[in-house]
C-alpha atoms as a PDB file:
ATOM      1  CA  MET A   1     -28.571 -52.924 -23.673  1.00  0.00           C
ATOM      2  CA  VAL A   2     -27.663 -50.127 -26.095  1.00  0.00           C
ATOM      3  CA  PHE A   3     -29.567 -46.824 -25.916  1.00  0.00           C
ATOM      4  CA  ALA A   4     -28.957 -44.856 -29.122  1.00  0.00           C
ATOM      5  CA  LEU A   5     -29.973 -41.418 -30.309  1.00  0.00           C
ATOM      6  CA  ASP A   6     -29.959 -39.508 -33.558  1.00  0.00           C
ATOM      7  CA  ALA A   7     -28.338 -36.218 -32.463  1.00  0.00           C
ATOM      8  CA  THR A   8     -28.431 -34.503 -35.863  1.00  0.00           C
ATOM      9  CA  ALA A   9     -29.797 -30.994 -36.412  1.00  0.00           C
ATOM     10  CA  SER A  10     -33.276 -32.172 -37.439  1.00  0.00           C
ATOM     11  CA  ARG A  11     -33.867 -33.170 -33.819  1.00  0.00           C
ATOM     12  CA  GLU A  12     -32.690 -29.911 -32.270  1.00  0.00           C
ATOM     13  CA  ALA A  13     -36.226 -28.577 -31.898  1.00  0.00           C
ATOM     14  CA  THR A  14     -37.231 -31.611 -29.833  1.00  0.00           C
ATOM     15  CA  TRP A  15     -33.921 -32.119 -28.036  1.00  0.00           C
ATOM     16  CA  GLN A  16     -35.314 -31.090 -24.650  1.00  0.00           C
ATOM     17  CA  THR A  17     -37.853 -33.878 -25.042  1.00  0.00           C
ATOM     18  CA  ALA A  18     -35.033 -36.230 -25.967  1.00  0.00           C
ATOM     19  CA  ARG A  19     -33.206 -35.235 -22.783  1.00  0.00           C
ATOM     20  CA  ARG A  20     -36.305 -36.240 -20.869  1.00  0.00           C
ATOM     21  CA  HIS A  21     -36.229 -39.644 -22.601  1.00  0.00           C
ATOM     22  CA  HIS A  22     -32.927 -40.542 -20.986  1.00  0.00           C
ATOM     23  CA  ARG A  23     -34.440 -39.743 -17.584  1.00  0.00           C
ATOM     24  CA  GLU A  24     -37.286 -42.057 -18.510  1.00  0.00           C
ATOM     25  CA  LEU A  25     -34.772 -44.720 -19.514  1.00  0.00           C
ATOM     26  CA  TYR A  26     -33.082 -44.299 -16.147  1.00  0.00           C
ATOM     27  CA  ASN A  27     -36.418 -44.661 -14.354  1.00  0.00           C
ATOM     28  CA  ALA A  28     -37.337 -47.629 -16.535  1.00  0.00           C
ATOM     29  CA  THR A  29     -34.084 -49.491 -15.903  1.00  0.00           C
ATOM     30  CA  ALA A  30     -33.551 -48.558 -12.257  1.00  0.00           C
ATOM     31  CA  ASP A  31     -35.188 -51.794 -11.100  1.00  0.00           C
ATOM     32  CA  ALA A  32     -33.493 -53.987 -13.704  1.00  0.00           C
ATOM     33  CA  SER A  33     -30.635 -55.351 -11.644  1.00  0.00           C
ATOM     34  CA  GLY A  34     -27.523 -56.316 -13.553  1.00  0.00           C
ATOM     35  CA  LEU A  35     -28.483 -54.335 -16.645  1.00  0.00           C
ATOM     36  CA  ALA A  36     -25.587 -52.440 -18.209  1.00  0.00           C
ATOM     37  CA  VAL A  37     -26.389 -49.687 -20.716  1.00  0.00           C
ATOM     38  CA  GLN A  38     -24.194 -48.189 -23.413  1.00  0.00           C
ATOM     39  CA  LEU A  39     -25.171 -44.721 -24.647  1.00  0.00           C
ATOM     40  CA  CYS A  40     -24.558 -44.206 -28.372  1.00  0.00           C
ATOM     41  CA  TYR A  41     -25.305 -41.236 -30.588  1.00  0.00           C
ATOM     42  CA  TYR A  42     -24.329 -39.860 -33.960  1.00  0.00           C
ATOM     43  CA  ARG A  43     -24.170 -36.306 -35.255  1.00  0.00           C
ATOM     44  CA  GLY A  44     -22.105 -34.162 -37.605  1.00  0.00           C
ATOM     45  CA  VAL A  45     -20.621 -35.608 -40.768  1.00  0.00           C
ATOM     46  CA  HIS A  46     -18.788 -38.646 -39.322  1.00  0.00           C
ATOM     47  CA  GLU A  47     -19.184 -38.308 -35.565  1.00  0.00           C
ATOM     48  CA  PHE A  48     -20.255 -41.450 -33.704  1.00  0.00           C
ATOM     49  CA  HIS A  49     -19.928 -41.891 -29.944  1.00  0.00           C
ATOM     50  CA  ALA A  50     -20.295 -45.001 -27.797  1.00  0.00           C
ATOM     51  CA  SER A  51     -19.900 -44.698 -24.035  1.00  0.00           C
ATOM     52  CA  PRO A  52     -18.379 -47.373 -21.812  1.00  0.00           C
ATOM     53  CA  TRP A  53     -20.888 -49.802 -20.310  1.00  0.00           C
ATOM     54  CA  LEU A  54     -22.741 -47.975 -17.549  1.00  0.00           C
ATOM     55  CA  THR A  55     -24.525 -49.485 -14.569  1.00  0.00           C
ATOM     56  CA  SER A  56     -25.268 -46.162 -12.863  1.00  0.00           C
ATOM     57  CA  GLY A  57     -28.397 -44.372 -14.013  1.00  0.00           C
ATOM     58  CA  GLN A  58     -26.975 -41.066 -12.838  1.00  0.00           C
ATOM     59  CA  GLU A  59     -23.860 -41.518 -14.973  1.00  0.00           C
ATOM     60  CA  LEU A  60     -26.058 -42.258 -17.988  1.00  0.00           C
ATOM     61  CA  CYS A  61     -28.032 -39.074 -17.283  1.00  0.00           C
ATOM     62  CA  ASP A  62     -24.869 -36.996 -16.882  1.00  0.00           C
ATOM     63  CA  ARG A  63     -23.462 -38.226 -20.187  1.00  0.00           C
ATOM     64  CA  MET A  64     -26.725 -37.583 -22.009  1.00  0.00           C
ATOM     65  CA  ASP A  65     -26.936 -34.052 -20.623  1.00  0.00           C
ATOM     66  CA  ARG A  66     -23.615 -33.250 -22.338  1.00  0.00           C
ATOM     67  CA  VAL A  67     -24.837 -34.218 -25.817  1.00  0.00           C
ATOM     68  CA  ALA A  68     -25.809 -31.409 -28.220  1.00  0.00           C
ATOM     69  CA  CYS A  69     -27.202 -31.661 -31.749  1.00  0.00           C
ATOM     70  CA  GLU A  70     -25.053 -31.001 -34.811  1.00  0.00           C
ATOM     71  CA  GLY A  71     -26.008 -31.075 -38.482  1.00  0.00           C
ATOM     72  CA  GLY A  72     -25.156 -34.109 -40.573  1.00  0.00           C
ATOM     73  CA  PRO A  73     -26.622 -37.205 -42.235  1.00  0.00           C
ATOM     74  CA  THR A  74     -28.108 -40.170 -40.415  1.00  0.00           C
ATOM     75  CA  GLN A  75     -25.649 -42.933 -39.484  1.00  0.00           C
ATOM     76  CA  ILE A  76     -28.021 -45.771 -38.689  1.00  0.00           C
ATOM     77  CA  ALA A  77     -25.925 -48.329 -40.618  1.00  0.00           C
ATOM     78  CA  ARG A  78     -22.901 -47.382 -38.526  1.00  0.00           C
ATOM     79  CA  LEU A  79     -24.964 -47.784 -35.348  1.00  0.00           C
ATOM     80  CA  LEU A  80     -26.284 -51.202 -36.388  1.00  0.00           C
ATOM     81  CA  SER A  81     -22.784 -52.366 -37.362  1.00  0.00           C
ATOM     82  CA  HIS A  82     -21.523 -51.270 -33.943  1.00  0.00           C
ATOM     83  CA  TYR A  83     -24.387 -53.154 -32.270  1.00  0.00           C
ATOM     84  CA  LEU A  84     -23.470 -56.315 -34.169  1.00  0.00           C
ATOM     85  CA  GLU A  85     -19.792 -56.026 -33.237  1.00  0.00           C
ATOM     86  CA  ILE A  86     -20.143 -55.521 -29.483  1.00  0.00           C
ATOM     87  CA  GLY A  87     -22.239 -58.586 -28.665  1.00  0.00           C
ATOM     88  CA  THR A  88     -20.344 -61.822 -27.997  1.00  0.00           C
ATOM     89  CA  PRO A  89     -21.462 -65.210 -26.614  1.00  0.00           C
ATOM     90  CA  ALA A  90     -19.678 -64.367 -23.342  1.00  0.00           C
ATOM     91  CA  THR A  91     -21.166 -60.864 -23.113  1.00  0.00           C
ATOM     92  CA  PRO A  92     -24.431 -60.825 -25.080  1.00  0.00           C
ATOM     93  CA  VAL A  93     -26.196 -57.566 -25.874  1.00  0.00           C
ATOM     94  CA  ARG A  94     -29.907 -58.272 -25.700  1.00  0.00           C
ATOM     95  CA  ALA A  95     -31.493 -55.082 -27.047  1.00  0.00           C
ATOM     96  CA  LEU A  96     -30.919 -51.851 -28.946  1.00  0.00           C
ATOM     97  CA  ILE A  97     -33.259 -48.939 -28.272  1.00  0.00           C
ATOM     98  CA  PHE A  98     -33.050 -46.307 -31.003  1.00  0.00           C
ATOM     99  CA  ILE A  99     -34.800 -42.926 -31.004  1.00  0.00           C
ATOM    100  CA  GLY A 100     -34.724 -40.961 -34.246  1.00  0.00           C
ATOM    101  CA  ASP A 101     -36.801 -39.012 -36.732  1.00  0.00           C
ATOM    102  CA  ALA A 102     -35.312 -39.596 -40.191  1.00  0.00           C
ATOM    103  CA  VAL A 103     -33.573 -42.082 -42.480  1.00  0.00           C
ATOM    104  CA  GLU A 104     -31.216 -40.905 -45.238  1.00  0.00           C
ATOM    105  CA  GLU A 105     -29.556 -44.230 -46.000  1.00  0.00           C
ATOM    106  CA  ARG A 106     -30.451 -47.026 -48.392  1.00  0.00           C
ATOM    107  CA  PRO A 107     -33.180 -49.178 -46.822  1.00  0.00           C
ATOM    108  CA  GLU A 108     -31.680 -52.376 -48.295  1.00  0.00           C
ATOM    109  CA  SER A 109     -28.422 -52.023 -46.378  1.00  0.00           C
ATOM    110  CA  LEU A 110     -30.236 -51.198 -43.119  1.00  0.00           C
ATOM    111  CA  LEU A 111     -32.572 -54.169 -43.464  1.00  0.00           C
ATOM    112  CA  GLY A 112     -29.622 -56.430 -44.252  1.00  0.00           C
ATOM    113  CA  LEU A 113     -27.980 -55.353 -40.992  1.00  0.00           C
ATOM    114  CA  ALA A 114     -31.286 -55.804 -39.149  1.00  0.00           C
ATOM    115  CA  GLY A 115     -31.420 -59.378 -40.488  1.00  0.00           C
ATOM    116  CA  GLN A 116     -27.926 -60.029 -39.146  1.00  0.00           C
ATOM    117  CA  CYS A 117     -29.075 -58.704 -35.762  1.00  0.00           C
ATOM    118  CA  ARG A 118     -31.937 -61.203 -35.779  1.00  0.00           C
ATOM    119  CA  LEU A 119     -29.552 -64.071 -36.551  1.00  0.00           C
ATOM    120  CA  LYS A 120     -27.469 -63.049 -33.521  1.00  0.00           C
ATOM    121  CA  GLY A 121     -30.543 -62.736 -31.289  1.00  0.00           C
ATOM    122  CA  GLN A 122     -30.101 -58.971 -30.933  1.00  0.00           C
ATOM    123  CA  PRO A 123     -33.467 -57.261 -31.532  1.00  0.00           C
ATOM    124  CA  ILE A 124     -33.861 -53.564 -32.332  1.00  0.00           C
ATOM    125  CA  PHE A 125     -36.556 -51.443 -30.700  1.00  0.00           C
ATOM    126  CA  THR A 126     -37.176 -48.302 -32.762  1.00  0.00           C
ATOM    127  CA  PHE A 127     -38.949 -45.207 -31.421  1.00  0.00           C
ATOM    128  CA  GLN A 128     -39.831 -42.538 -33.988  1.00  0.00           C
ATOM    129  CA  GLU A 129     -40.195 -38.839 -33.303  1.00  0.00           C
ATOM    130  CA  GLY A 130     -42.153 -36.921 -35.915  1.00  0.00           C
ATOM    131  CA  SER A 131     -44.277 -38.331 -38.692  1.00  0.00           C
ATOM    132  CA  ASP A 132     -42.020 -38.766 -41.725  1.00  0.00           C
ATOM    133  CA  PRO A 133     -43.684 -41.611 -43.687  1.00  0.00           C
ATOM    134  CA  ALA A 134     -40.397 -42.944 -45.089  1.00  0.00           C
ATOM    135  CA  ALA A 135     -38.917 -43.131 -41.583  1.00  0.00           C
ATOM    136  CA  THR A 136     -42.087 -44.824 -40.309  1.00  0.00           C
ATOM    137  CA  ARG A 137     -41.835 -47.501 -42.980  1.00  0.00           C
ATOM    138  CA  ILE A 138     -38.114 -48.147 -42.538  1.00  0.00           C
ATOM    139  CA  PHE A 139     -38.048 -47.966 -38.716  1.00  0.00           C
ATOM    140  CA  SER A 140     -40.943 -50.421 -38.459  1.00  0.00           C
ATOM    141  CA  GLU A 141     -39.241 -52.756 -40.951  1.00  0.00           C
ATOM    142  CA  ILE A 142     -35.915 -52.588 -39.106  1.00  0.00           C
ATOM    143  CA  ALA A 143     -37.718 -53.554 -35.901  1.00  0.00           C
ATOM    144  CA  ARG A 144     -39.701 -56.353 -37.568  1.00  0.00           C
ATOM    145  CA  VAL A 145     -36.760 -57.861 -39.449  1.00  0.00           C
ATOM    146  CA  SER A 146     -34.530 -57.791 -36.342  1.00  0.00           C
ATOM    147  CA  GLY A 147     -37.168 -59.410 -34.133  1.00  0.00           C
ATOM    148  CA  GLY A 148     -37.827 -56.210 -32.170  1.00  0.00           C
ATOM    149  CA  ALA A 149     -40.684 -53.719 -32.019  1.00  0.00           C
ATOM    150  CA  TYR A 150     -41.583 -50.219 -33.301  1.00  0.00           C
ATOM    151  CA  ALA A 151     -43.449 -47.335 -31.653  1.00  0.00           C
ATOM    152  CA  ALA A 152     -44.288 -43.814 -32.800  1.00  0.00           C
ATOM    153  CA  LEU A 153     -43.822 -41.097 -30.202  1.00  0.00           C
ATOM    154  CA  GLY A 154     -46.745 -38.671 -30.188  1.00  0.00           C
ATOM    155  CA  GLY A 155     -47.476 -35.494 -28.257  1.00  0.00           C
ATOM    156  CA  HIS A 156     -48.402 -37.399 -25.095  1.00  0.00           C
ATOM    157  CA  SER A 157     -45.578 -39.895 -25.397  1.00  0.00           C
ATOM    158  CA  GLY A 158     -43.540 -39.287 -22.225  1.00  0.00           C
ATOM    159  CA  GLU A 159     -45.443 -41.676 -19.982  1.00  0.00           C
ATOM    160  CA  THR A 160     -45.967 -44.134 -22.838  1.00  0.00           C
ATOM    161  CA  LEU A 161     -42.255 -44.087 -23.638  1.00  0.00           C
ATOM    162  CA  GLN A 162     -41.312 -44.714 -20.024  1.00  0.00           C
ATOM    163  CA  ARG A 163     -43.598 -47.754 -19.880  1.00  0.00           C
ATOM    164  CA  LEU A 164     -42.268 -49.101 -23.198  1.00  0.00           C
ATOM    165  CA  LEU A 165     -38.650 -48.543 -22.157  1.00  0.00           C
ATOM    166  CA  ALA A 166     -39.382 -50.417 -18.933  1.00  0.00           C
ATOM    167  CA  ALA A 167     -40.812 -53.268 -21.014  1.00  0.00           C
ATOM    168  CA  VAL A 168     -37.678 -53.362 -23.202  1.00  0.00           C
ATOM    169  CA  ALA A 169     -35.496 -53.372 -20.062  1.00  0.00           C
ATOM    170  CA  ARG A 170     -37.509 -56.305 -18.671  1.00  0.00           C
ATOM    171  CA  TYR A 171     -37.104 -58.097 -22.000  1.00  0.00           C
ATOM    172  CA  ALA A 172     -33.333 -57.439 -22.014  1.00  0.00           C
ATOM    173  CA  THR A 173     -32.912 -58.935 -18.550  1.00  0.00           C
ATOM    174  CA  GLY A 174     -35.529 -61.707 -18.570  1.00  0.00           C
ATOM    175  CA  GLY A 175     -36.696 -62.359 -22.142  1.00  0.00           C
ATOM    176  CA  ARG A 176     -40.269 -63.126 -23.195  1.00  0.00           C
ATOM    177  CA  GLN A 177     -40.963 -64.838 -19.881  1.00  0.00           C
ATOM    178  CA  ALA A 178     -40.408 -61.587 -17.963  1.00  0.00           C
ATOM    179  CA  LEU A 179     -42.887 -59.779 -20.234  1.00  0.00           C
ATOM    180  CA  THR A 180     -45.462 -62.556 -19.920  1.00  0.00           C
ATOM    181  CA  GLN A 181     -45.204 -62.618 -16.119  1.00  0.00           C
ATOM    182  CA  SER A 182     -45.461 -58.838 -15.814  1.00  0.00           C
ATOM    183  CA  GLY A 183     -48.756 -58.631 -17.678  1.00  0.00           C
ATOM    184  CA  THR A 184     -48.747 -54.832 -17.997  1.00  0.00           C
ATOM    185  CA  GLU A 185     -50.341 -53.216 -21.043  1.00  0.00           C
ATOM    186  CA  SER A 186     -46.961 -52.027 -22.391  1.00  0.00           C
ATOM    187  CA  ASP A 187     -45.491 -55.523 -21.949  1.00  0.00           C
ATOM    188  CA  ARG A 188     -48.429 -57.054 -23.806  1.00  0.00           C
ATOM    189  CA  MET A 189     -48.006 -54.488 -26.601  1.00  0.00           C
ATOM    190  CA  LEU A 190     -44.321 -55.340 -26.890  1.00  0.00           C
ATOM    191  CA  LEU A 191     -45.064 -59.080 -26.827  1.00  0.00           C
ATOM    192  CA  SER A 192     -47.614 -58.680 -29.635  1.00  0.00           C
ATOM    193  CA  GLN A 193     -44.864 -57.364 -31.939  1.00  0.00           C
ATOM    194  CA  LEU A 194     -42.126 -59.818 -30.988  1.00  0.00           C
ATOM    195  CA  PRO A 195     -41.767 -62.948 -33.129  1.00  0.00           C
ATOM    196  CA  LYS A 196     -43.225 -66.124 -31.626  1.00  0.00           C
END
């Protein structure tokens, strides 16, 4: 699974919350045995980072704690291209979790990449901070076109996010069947957005 963050300057005000999200990801994936996570983020003008595959939640937390925001445009297309390149039949990547607040790229190119992700069976789960209507529209479309799901993060989103991240982790390790068997509210919400 890929866990990706927009680390541009627009998110600096909420970066402490974002730091908490990686703790929630760790808590959400701690019980998902065999799940490897790659931390990705973009910032600055052309800066894009992808960690090695991590199986230790503490290592994921340590790496996230070293990330700081830096001004620059969004690089969602670069992230989606990376996601498409790293999955192979021998080592499939079953989910991309993306947390961001803005889109500054052409929607057509992003949706084209999202469609390629769907063809490869690599859904995108988008989580939006803030309330930018353009980002809402594009993030939800990216999720829909890729076969993933979208959620807006509100003021009381910490616990909700943790439950949704846990649902995505269950999906990444066990597919729809794992979500159906779990029966939690967050799993049902995720299932309701996934294609049949």
